[in-house]
């Protein structure tokens, strides 16, 4: 595999506007995410953005920014547009989509998300065990129906939901929104219209499952916290300030 890591970032977040440039320990959040991705050492890293302010912050942090159209409907569309600009020749056969609001992401997780692709899946992503009642019942925590065998840390993703799934006794899995796509799978995914279950659950990955793309999940120890609210931002500042 020859991966490239692309980070979609825009200022217009609905829940916390401008968060990718929010100061955390003297650096904008996007700089923390960029450096974590670089530490993973998988391949080139670029930020797919649509505002000059974000591009300037990325370049000031020593990173590469790719400007994309502001009206793209999703982060997946944004990274595909950046890929076409950066690598029209198709050198990179795997694209890692890392969200720009995960400043505390463990760089090892970026290597872990490639594991399902090594086992033949079209798309790889991550899950971690759900450990609290708050996680189990929060609609903001996406759950994945999957089952791991004793000798494997990769399993097929059968469904994703904001509700607690599956029923019955056993572990529950918190989906982490980091993806690794085979290049052909990403191209197909962004060519498809939103699917019925995607619209119903407000979960983009269901479009892939409904279209027959195979998603494999690799398990990691715990979910990194994303920054979606002012409270999350304060938590990140406490955790990452020098």
C-alpha atoms as a PDB file:
ATOM      1  CA  UNK A   1       0.000   0.000   0.000  1.00  0.00           C
ATOM      2  CA  UNK A   2       1.129   3.552  -0.757  1.00  0.00           C
ATOM      3  CA  UNK A   3      -1.010   5.779   1.488  1.00  0.00           C
ATOM      4  CA  UNK A   4      -1.597   9.504   1.551  1.00  0.00           C
ATOM      5  CA  UNK A   5      -3.206  11.150   4.597  1.00  0.00           C
ATOM      6  CA  UNK A   6      -5.735  13.883   3.865  1.00  0.00           C
ATOM      7  CA  UNK A   7      -7.358  16.034   6.550  1.00  0.00           C
ATOM      8  CA  UNK A   8     -10.588  17.839   5.580  1.00  0.00           C
ATOM      9  CA  UNK A   9     -10.909  21.127   7.447  1.00  0.00           C
ATOM     10  CA  UNK A  10     -13.299  24.055   7.186  1.00  0.00           C
ATOM     11  CA  UNK A  11     -14.268  26.937   9.424  1.00  0.00           C
ATOM     12  CA  UNK A  12     -18.031  26.537   9.127  1.00  0.00           C
ATOM     13  CA  UNK A  13     -18.673  23.843  11.721  1.00  0.00           C
ATOM     14  CA  UNK A  14     -22.302  23.900  12.847  1.00  0.00           C
ATOM     15  CA  UNK A  15     -21.646  23.111  16.510  1.00  0.00           C
ATOM     16  CA  UNK A  16     -18.403  25.057  17.086  1.00  0.00           C
ATOM     17  CA  UNK A  17     -17.686  27.514  14.306  1.00  0.00           C
ATOM     18  CA  UNK A  18     -14.016  28.103  13.527  1.00  0.00           C
ATOM     19  CA  UNK A  19     -12.863  25.237  15.708  1.00  0.00           C
ATOM     20  CA  UNK A  20     -10.047  24.092  13.401  1.00  0.00           C
ATOM     21  CA  UNK A  21      -8.259  27.386  14.145  1.00  0.00           C
ATOM     22  CA  UNK A  22      -9.058  27.389  17.872  1.00  0.00           C
ATOM     23  CA  UNK A  23      -5.959  27.960  19.978  1.00  0.00           C
ATOM     24  CA  UNK A  24      -4.749  24.932  21.948  1.00  0.00           C
ATOM     25  CA  UNK A  25      -1.502  25.448  23.803  1.00  0.00           C
ATOM     26  CA  UNK A  26      -0.397  28.251  21.502  1.00  0.00           C
ATOM     27  CA  UNK A  27      -1.136  26.417  18.239  1.00  0.00           C
ATOM     28  CA  UNK A  28      -4.320  26.122  16.175  1.00  0.00           C
ATOM     29  CA  UNK A  29      -6.098  22.797  16.477  1.00  0.00           C
ATOM     30  CA  UNK A  30      -5.410  21.919  12.843  1.00  0.00           C
ATOM     31  CA  UNK A  31      -1.660  22.147  13.551  1.00  0.00           C
ATOM     32  CA  UNK A  32      -1.990  19.529  16.313  1.00  0.00           C
ATOM     33  CA  UNK A  33      -3.866  17.172  13.977  1.00  0.00           C
ATOM     34  CA  UNK A  34      -1.359  17.783  11.180  1.00  0.00           C
ATOM     35  CA  UNK A  35       1.611  16.955  13.382  1.00  0.00           C
ATOM     36  CA  UNK A  36      -0.037  13.796  14.718  1.00  0.00           C
ATOM     37  CA  UNK A  37      -0.577  12.637  11.151  1.00  0.00           C
ATOM     38  CA  UNK A  38       3.016  13.407  10.250  1.00  0.00           C
ATOM     39  CA  UNK A  39       4.229  11.460  13.288  1.00  0.00           C
ATOM     40  CA  UNK A  40       2.421   8.368  11.967  1.00  0.00           C
ATOM     41  CA  UNK A  41       4.904   8.259   9.087  1.00  0.00           C
ATOM     42  CA  UNK A  42       2.525   6.589   6.631  1.00  0.00           C
ATOM     43  CA  UNK A  43       3.141   8.916   3.709  1.00  0.00           C
ATOM     44  CA  UNK A  44       2.490  12.487   2.591  1.00  0.00           C
ATOM     45  CA  UNK A  45       0.041  14.540   4.663  1.00  0.00           C
ATOM     46  CA  UNK A  46      -2.083  17.415   3.361  1.00  0.00           C
ATOM     47  CA  UNK A  47      -5.007  19.465   4.634  1.00  0.00           C
ATOM     48  CA  UNK A  48      -7.962  19.843   2.260  1.00  0.00           C
ATOM     49  CA  UNK A  49      -9.502  23.229   3.032  1.00  0.00           C
ATOM     50  CA  UNK A  50     -11.575  25.966   1.428  1.00  0.00           C
ATOM     51  CA  UNK A  51     -10.604  29.092   3.383  1.00  0.00           C
ATOM     52  CA  UNK A  52      -7.406  31.087   3.058  1.00  0.00           C
ATOM     53  CA  UNK A  53      -7.144  31.416   6.847  1.00  0.00           C
ATOM     54  CA  UNK A  54      -6.983  27.638   7.272  1.00  0.00           C
ATOM     55  CA  UNK A  55      -4.449  27.273   4.471  1.00  0.00           C
ATOM     56  CA  UNK A  56      -2.274  29.969   6.054  1.00  0.00           C
ATOM     57  CA  UNK A  57      -2.384  28.247   9.455  1.00  0.00           C
ATOM     58  CA  UNK A  58      -1.414  24.909   7.917  1.00  0.00           C
ATOM     59  CA  UNK A  59       1.480  26.423   5.986  1.00  0.00           C
ATOM     60  CA  UNK A  60       2.656  28.331   9.074  1.00  0.00           C
ATOM     61  CA  UNK A  61       2.792  24.979  10.865  1.00  0.00           C
ATOM     62  CA  UNK A  62       5.004  23.563   8.106  1.00  0.00           C
ATOM     63  CA  UNK A  63       2.241  21.609   6.395  1.00  0.00           C
ATOM     64  CA  UNK A  64       0.753  21.394   2.924  1.00  0.00           C
ATOM     65  CA  UNK A  65      -2.691  22.876   2.238  1.00  0.00           C
ATOM     66  CA  UNK A  66      -4.845  22.163  -0.810  1.00  0.00           C
ATOM     67  CA  UNK A  67      -7.640  24.574  -1.627  1.00  0.00           C
ATOM     68  CA  UNK A  68     -10.957  22.968  -2.621  1.00  0.00           C
ATOM     69  CA  UNK A  69     -14.366  24.337  -3.588  1.00  0.00           C
ATOM     70  CA  UNK A  70     -16.287  25.759  -0.596  1.00  0.00           C
ATOM     71  CA  UNK A  71     -19.606  24.161  -1.604  1.00  0.00           C
ATOM     72  CA  UNK A  72     -18.521  20.516  -1.438  1.00  0.00           C
ATOM     73  CA  UNK A  73     -21.122  18.569   0.568  1.00  0.00           C
ATOM     74  CA  UNK A  74     -18.842  16.504   2.826  1.00  0.00           C
ATOM     75  CA  UNK A  75     -15.331  15.842   4.050  1.00  0.00           C
ATOM     76  CA  UNK A  76     -15.140  12.807   1.782  1.00  0.00           C
ATOM     77  CA  UNK A  77     -15.865  14.969  -1.260  1.00  0.00           C
ATOM     78  CA  UNK A  78     -13.256  17.452  -0.049  1.00  0.00           C
ATOM     79  CA  UNK A  79     -10.483  14.873   0.284  1.00  0.00           C
ATOM     80  CA  UNK A  80     -11.351  13.384  -3.114  1.00  0.00           C
ATOM     81  CA  UNK A  81     -11.073  16.828  -4.710  1.00  0.00           C
ATOM     82  CA  UNK A  82      -7.723  17.360  -2.972  1.00  0.00           C
ATOM     83  CA  UNK A  83      -6.541  13.938  -4.123  1.00  0.00           C
ATOM     84  CA  UNK A  84      -7.368  14.754  -7.735  1.00  0.00           C
ATOM     85  CA  UNK A  85      -5.353  17.950  -7.430  1.00  0.00           C
ATOM     86  CA  UNK A  86      -2.369  16.434  -5.622  1.00  0.00           C
ATOM     87  CA  UNK A  87      -2.138  13.040  -7.288  1.00  0.00           C
ATOM     88  CA  UNK A  88      -3.899  12.987 -10.632  1.00  0.00           C
ATOM     89  CA  UNK A  89      -1.511  10.251 -11.792  1.00  0.00           C
ATOM     90  CA  UNK A  90      -2.841   7.818  -9.175  1.00  0.00           C
ATOM     91  CA  UNK A  91       0.426   7.175  -7.348  1.00  0.00           C
ATOM     92  CA  UNK A  92      -1.325   6.717  -4.008  1.00  0.00           C
ATOM     93  CA  UNK A  93      -3.655   3.722  -3.895  1.00  0.00           C
ATOM     94  CA  UNK A  94      -4.866   4.257  -0.307  1.00  0.00           C
ATOM     95  CA  UNK A  95      -6.318   7.448   1.156  1.00  0.00           C
ATOM     96  CA  UNK A  96      -6.552   7.969   4.907  1.00  0.00           C
ATOM     97  CA  UNK A  97      -9.259  10.451   5.878  1.00  0.00           C
ATOM     98  CA  UNK A  98      -8.372  11.987   9.256  1.00  0.00           C
ATOM     99  CA  UNK A  99     -10.861  14.428  10.770  1.00  0.00           C
ATOM    100  CA  UNK A 100      -9.486  17.870  11.613  1.00  0.00           C
ATOM    101  CA  UNK A 101     -11.072  17.920  15.092  1.00  0.00           C
ATOM    102  CA  UNK A 102      -9.069  15.082  16.682  1.00  0.00           C
ATOM    103  CA  UNK A 103      -6.086  16.926  18.193  1.00  0.00           C
ATOM    104  CA  UNK A 104      -5.250  14.105  20.620  1.00  0.00           C
ATOM    105  CA  UNK A 105      -5.311  11.249  18.083  1.00  0.00           C
ATOM    106  CA  UNK A 106      -2.657   8.594  18.713  1.00  0.00           C
ATOM    107  CA  UNK A 107      -0.491   8.385  15.551  1.00  0.00           C
ATOM    108  CA  UNK A 108      -0.582   4.580  15.877  1.00  0.00           C
ATOM    109  CA  UNK A 109      -4.307   4.694  15.102  1.00  0.00           C
ATOM    110  CA  UNK A 110      -3.506   5.835  11.564  1.00  0.00           C
ATOM    111  CA  UNK A 111      -1.518   2.649  11.009  1.00  0.00           C
ATOM    112  CA  UNK A 112      -4.291   0.583  12.602  1.00  0.00           C
ATOM    113  CA  UNK A 113      -6.907   1.878  10.152  1.00  0.00           C
ATOM    114  CA  UNK A 114      -4.944   0.254   7.298  1.00  0.00           C
ATOM    115  CA  UNK A 115      -5.328  -3.254   8.749  1.00  0.00           C
ATOM    116  CA  UNK A 116      -8.746  -3.984   7.203  1.00  0.00           C
ATOM    117  CA  UNK A 117      -7.432  -3.063   3.751  1.00  0.00           C
ATOM    118  CA  UNK A 118      -4.618  -5.589   4.170  1.00  0.00           C
ATOM    119  CA  UNK A 119      -7.369  -8.192   4.644  1.00  0.00           C
ATOM    120  CA  UNK A 120      -9.204  -7.264   1.452  1.00  0.00           C
ATOM    121  CA  UNK A 121     -11.819  -4.766   2.631  1.00  0.00           C
ATOM    122  CA  UNK A 122     -12.707  -1.745   0.489  1.00  0.00           C
ATOM    123  CA  UNK A 123     -12.749   0.667   3.424  1.00  0.00           C
ATOM    124  CA  UNK A 124     -11.135   0.487   6.854  1.00  0.00           C
ATOM    125  CA  UNK A 125     -12.177   2.295  10.005  1.00  0.00           C
ATOM    126  CA  UNK A 126     -11.760   1.972  13.784  1.00  0.00           C
ATOM    127  CA  UNK A 127     -13.806   1.020  16.831  1.00  0.00           C
ATOM    128  CA  UNK A 128     -13.102   1.055  20.558  1.00  0.00           C
ATOM    129  CA  UNK A 129     -14.972  -0.611  23.422  1.00  0.00           C
ATOM    130  CA  UNK A 130     -17.825   1.363  24.952  1.00  0.00           C
ATOM    131  CA  UNK A 131     -17.166   1.547  28.664  1.00  0.00           C
ATOM    132  CA  UNK A 132     -19.749   3.912  30.169  1.00  0.00           C
ATOM    133  CA  UNK A 133     -23.515   4.273  30.254  1.00  0.00           C
ATOM    134  CA  UNK A 134     -23.122   7.806  28.885  1.00  0.00           C
ATOM    135  CA  UNK A 135     -21.382   6.450  25.773  1.00  0.00           C
ATOM    136  CA  UNK A 136     -23.983   3.723  25.334  1.00  0.00           C
ATOM    137  CA  UNK A 137     -26.900   6.122  25.225  1.00  0.00           C
ATOM    138  CA  UNK A 138     -25.450   9.286  23.633  1.00  0.00           C
ATOM    139  CA  UNK A 139     -26.680   9.775  20.039  1.00  0.00           C
ATOM    140  CA  UNK A 140     -23.408  11.606  19.309  1.00  0.00           C
ATOM    141  CA  UNK A 141     -21.532   8.330  19.906  1.00  0.00           C
ATOM    142  CA  UNK A 142     -21.926   6.209  16.784  1.00  0.00           C
ATOM    143  CA  UNK A 143     -22.159   2.478  17.453  1.00  0.00           C
ATOM    144  CA  UNK A 144     -20.980  -0.288  15.144  1.00  0.00           C
ATOM    145  CA  UNK A 145     -22.465  -3.767  14.918  1.00  0.00           C
ATOM    146  CA  UNK A 146     -19.438  -6.018  14.541  1.00  0.00           C
ATOM    147  CA  UNK A 147     -18.023  -9.136  16.174  1.00  0.00           C
ATOM    148  CA  UNK A 148     -14.351 -10.025  16.606  1.00  0.00           C
ATOM    149  CA  UNK A 149     -13.002 -13.548  16.797  1.00  0.00           C
ATOM    150  CA  UNK A 150     -10.430 -14.402  19.439  1.00  0.00           C
ATOM    151  CA  UNK A 151      -7.572 -14.473  16.948  1.00  0.00           C
ATOM    152  CA  UNK A 152      -8.356 -11.292  14.987  1.00  0.00           C
ATOM    153  CA  UNK A 153      -8.539  -7.577  15.718  1.00  0.00           C
ATOM    154  CA  UNK A 154     -10.336  -6.904  12.408  1.00  0.00           C
ATOM    155  CA  UNK A 155     -14.028  -7.626  11.788  1.00  0.00           C
ATOM    156  CA  UNK A 156     -16.648  -6.792   9.157  1.00  0.00           C
ATOM    157  CA  UNK A 157     -18.838  -3.788   9.929  1.00  0.00           C
ATOM    158  CA  UNK A 158     -22.432  -4.912   9.521  1.00  0.00           C
ATOM    159  CA  UNK A 159     -24.181  -1.665  10.464  1.00  0.00           C
ATOM    160  CA  UNK A 160     -23.645   1.714  12.133  1.00  0.00           C
ATOM    161  CA  UNK A 161     -26.234   3.532  14.217  1.00  0.00           C
ATOM    162  CA  UNK A 162     -26.710   6.320  16.714  1.00  0.00           C
ATOM    163  CA  UNK A 163     -28.820   3.855  18.705  1.00  0.00           C
ATOM    164  CA  UNK A 164     -27.336   1.124  20.861  1.00  0.00           C
ATOM    165  CA  UNK A 165     -26.707  -1.952  18.681  1.00  0.00           C
ATOM    166  CA  UNK A 166     -26.719  -4.933  18.671  1.00  0.00           C
ATOM    167  CA  UNK A 167     -29.190  -6.209  21.273  1.00  0.00           C
ATOM    168  CA  UNK A 168     -28.328  -8.953  23.736  1.00  0.00           C
ATOM    169  CA  UNK A 169     -25.317  -9.608  25.930  1.00  0.00           C
ATOM    170  CA  UNK A 170     -21.825  -8.723  24.751  1.00  0.00           C
ATOM    171  CA  UNK A 171     -19.545  -5.785  24.056  1.00  0.00           C
ATOM    172  CA  UNK A 172     -20.637  -2.583  22.357  1.00  0.00           C
ATOM    173  CA  UNK A 173     -18.347  -0.703  19.999  1.00  0.00           C
ATOM    174  CA  UNK A 174     -17.791   3.045  19.659  1.00  0.00           C
ATOM    175  CA  UNK A 175     -17.058   3.998  16.059  1.00  0.00           C
ATOM    176  CA  UNK A 176     -14.098   6.346  15.504  1.00  0.00           C
ATOM    177  CA  UNK A 177     -14.472   8.469  12.373  1.00  0.00           C
ATOM    178  CA  UNK A 178     -11.126   7.782  10.726  1.00  0.00           C
ATOM    179  CA  UNK A 179     -11.218   5.990   7.371  1.00  0.00           C
ATOM    180  CA  UNK A 180      -8.808   4.331   4.963  1.00  0.00           C
ATOM    181  CA  UNK A 181     -10.157   3.973   1.424  1.00  0.00           C
ATOM    182  CA  UNK A 182      -8.886   2.065  -1.530  1.00  0.00           C
ATOM    183  CA  UNK A 183      -8.699   4.699  -4.226  1.00  0.00           C
ATOM    184  CA  UNK A 184     -11.385   3.030  -6.356  1.00  0.00           C
ATOM    185  CA  UNK A 185     -13.683   2.742  -3.330  1.00  0.00           C
ATOM    186  CA  UNK A 186     -13.360   6.460  -2.548  1.00  0.00           C
ATOM    187  CA  UNK A 187     -14.042   7.385  -6.173  1.00  0.00           C
ATOM    188  CA  UNK A 188     -17.143   5.208  -6.196  1.00  0.00           C
ATOM    189  CA  UNK A 189     -18.333   6.440  -2.831  1.00  0.00           C
ATOM    190  CA  UNK A 190     -18.277  10.140  -3.745  1.00  0.00           C
ATOM    191  CA  UNK A 191     -20.042   9.390  -7.047  1.00  0.00           C
ATOM    192  CA  UNK A 192     -23.074   7.946  -5.253  1.00  0.00           C
ATOM    193  CA  UNK A 193     -26.059   9.983  -4.070  1.00  0.00           C
ATOM    194  CA  UNK A 194     -26.936   9.965  -0.352  1.00  0.00           C
ATOM    195  CA  UNK A 195     -28.603   6.664   0.495  1.00  0.00           C
ATOM    196  CA  UNK A 196     -31.877   6.150   2.411  1.00  0.00           C
ATOM    197  CA  UNK A 197     -30.255   4.837   5.602  1.00  0.00           C
ATOM    198  CA  UNK A 198     -27.534   7.470   5.437  1.00  0.00           C
ATOM    199  CA  UNK A 199     -30.206  10.170   5.391  1.00  0.00           C
ATOM    200  CA  UNK A 200     -32.206   8.485   8.142  1.00  0.00           C
ATOM    201  CA  UNK A 201     -29.293   7.960  10.549  1.00  0.00           C
ATOM    202  CA  UNK A 202     -27.247  10.973   9.361  1.00  0.00           C
ATOM    203  CA  UNK A 203     -24.242   8.658   8.946  1.00  0.00           C
ATOM    204  CA  UNK A 204     -22.296   8.906   5.703  1.00  0.00           C
ATOM    205  CA  UNK A 205     -20.687   5.463   6.002  1.00  0.00           C
ATOM    206  CA  UNK A 206     -24.066   3.781   5.535  1.00  0.00           C
ATOM    207  CA  UNK A 207     -23.983   4.929   1.914  1.00  0.00           C
ATOM    208  CA  UNK A 208     -20.980   2.659   1.398  1.00  0.00           C
ATOM    209  CA  UNK A 209     -22.665  -0.344   3.023  1.00  0.00           C
ATOM    210  CA  UNK A 210     -25.879   0.161   1.074  1.00  0.00           C
ATOM    211  CA  UNK A 211     -23.855   0.276  -2.148  1.00  0.00           C
ATOM    212  CA  UNK A 212     -22.191  -3.056  -1.339  1.00  0.00           C
ATOM    213  CA  UNK A 213     -18.759  -1.721  -0.382  1.00  0.00           C
ATOM    214  CA  UNK A 214     -17.163  -3.804   2.367  1.00  0.00           C
ATOM    215  CA  UNK A 215     -16.098  -1.937   5.492  1.00  0.00           C
ATOM    216  CA  UNK A 216     -13.742  -3.611   7.944  1.00  0.00           C
ATOM    217  CA  UNK A 217     -13.130  -2.296  11.456  1.00  0.00           C
ATOM    218  CA  UNK A 218      -9.939  -2.585  13.467  1.00  0.00           C
ATOM    219  CA  UNK A 219     -10.254  -2.357  17.228  1.00  0.00           C
ATOM    220  CA  UNK A 220      -8.187  -0.008  19.372  1.00  0.00           C
ATOM    221  CA  UNK A 221      -8.092   0.501  23.120  1.00  0.00           C
ATOM    222  CA  UNK A 222     -10.068   3.725  23.468  1.00  0.00           C
ATOM    223  CA  UNK A 223     -11.756   6.399  21.411  1.00  0.00           C
ATOM    224  CA  UNK A 224      -9.923   9.721  21.108  1.00  0.00           C
ATOM    225  CA  UNK A 225     -12.042  12.696  22.053  1.00  0.00           C
ATOM    226  CA  UNK A 226     -13.144  14.992  19.281  1.00  0.00           C
ATOM    227  CA  UNK A 227     -13.731  18.715  19.670  1.00  0.00           C
ATOM    228  CA  UNK A 228     -17.388  19.517  18.934  1.00  0.00           C
ATOM    229  CA  UNK A 229     -18.399  21.876  21.756  1.00  0.00           C
ATOM    230  CA  UNK A 230     -16.828  24.663  23.845  1.00  0.00           C
ATOM    231  CA  UNK A 231     -16.531  22.131  26.680  1.00  0.00           C
ATOM    232  CA  UNK A 232     -14.587  19.759  24.419  1.00  0.00           C
ATOM    233  CA  UNK A 233     -12.271  22.596  23.473  1.00  0.00           C
ATOM    234  CA  UNK A 234     -11.504  23.370  27.113  1.00  0.00           C
ATOM    235  CA  UNK A 235     -10.799  19.695  27.727  1.00  0.00           C
ATOM    236  CA  UNK A 236      -8.379  19.640  24.789  1.00  0.00           C
ATOM    237  CA  UNK A 237      -6.643  22.746  26.089  1.00  0.00           C
ATOM    238  CA  UNK A 238      -6.169  21.136  29.488  1.00  0.00           C
ATOM    239  CA  UNK A 239      -4.859  17.901  27.974  1.00  0.00           C
ATOM    240  CA  UNK A 240      -2.522  19.382  25.363  1.00  0.00           C
ATOM    241  CA  UNK A 241      -1.247  22.635  26.853  1.00  0.00           C
ATOM    242  CA  UNK A 242       2.474  22.539  27.704  1.00  0.00           C
END
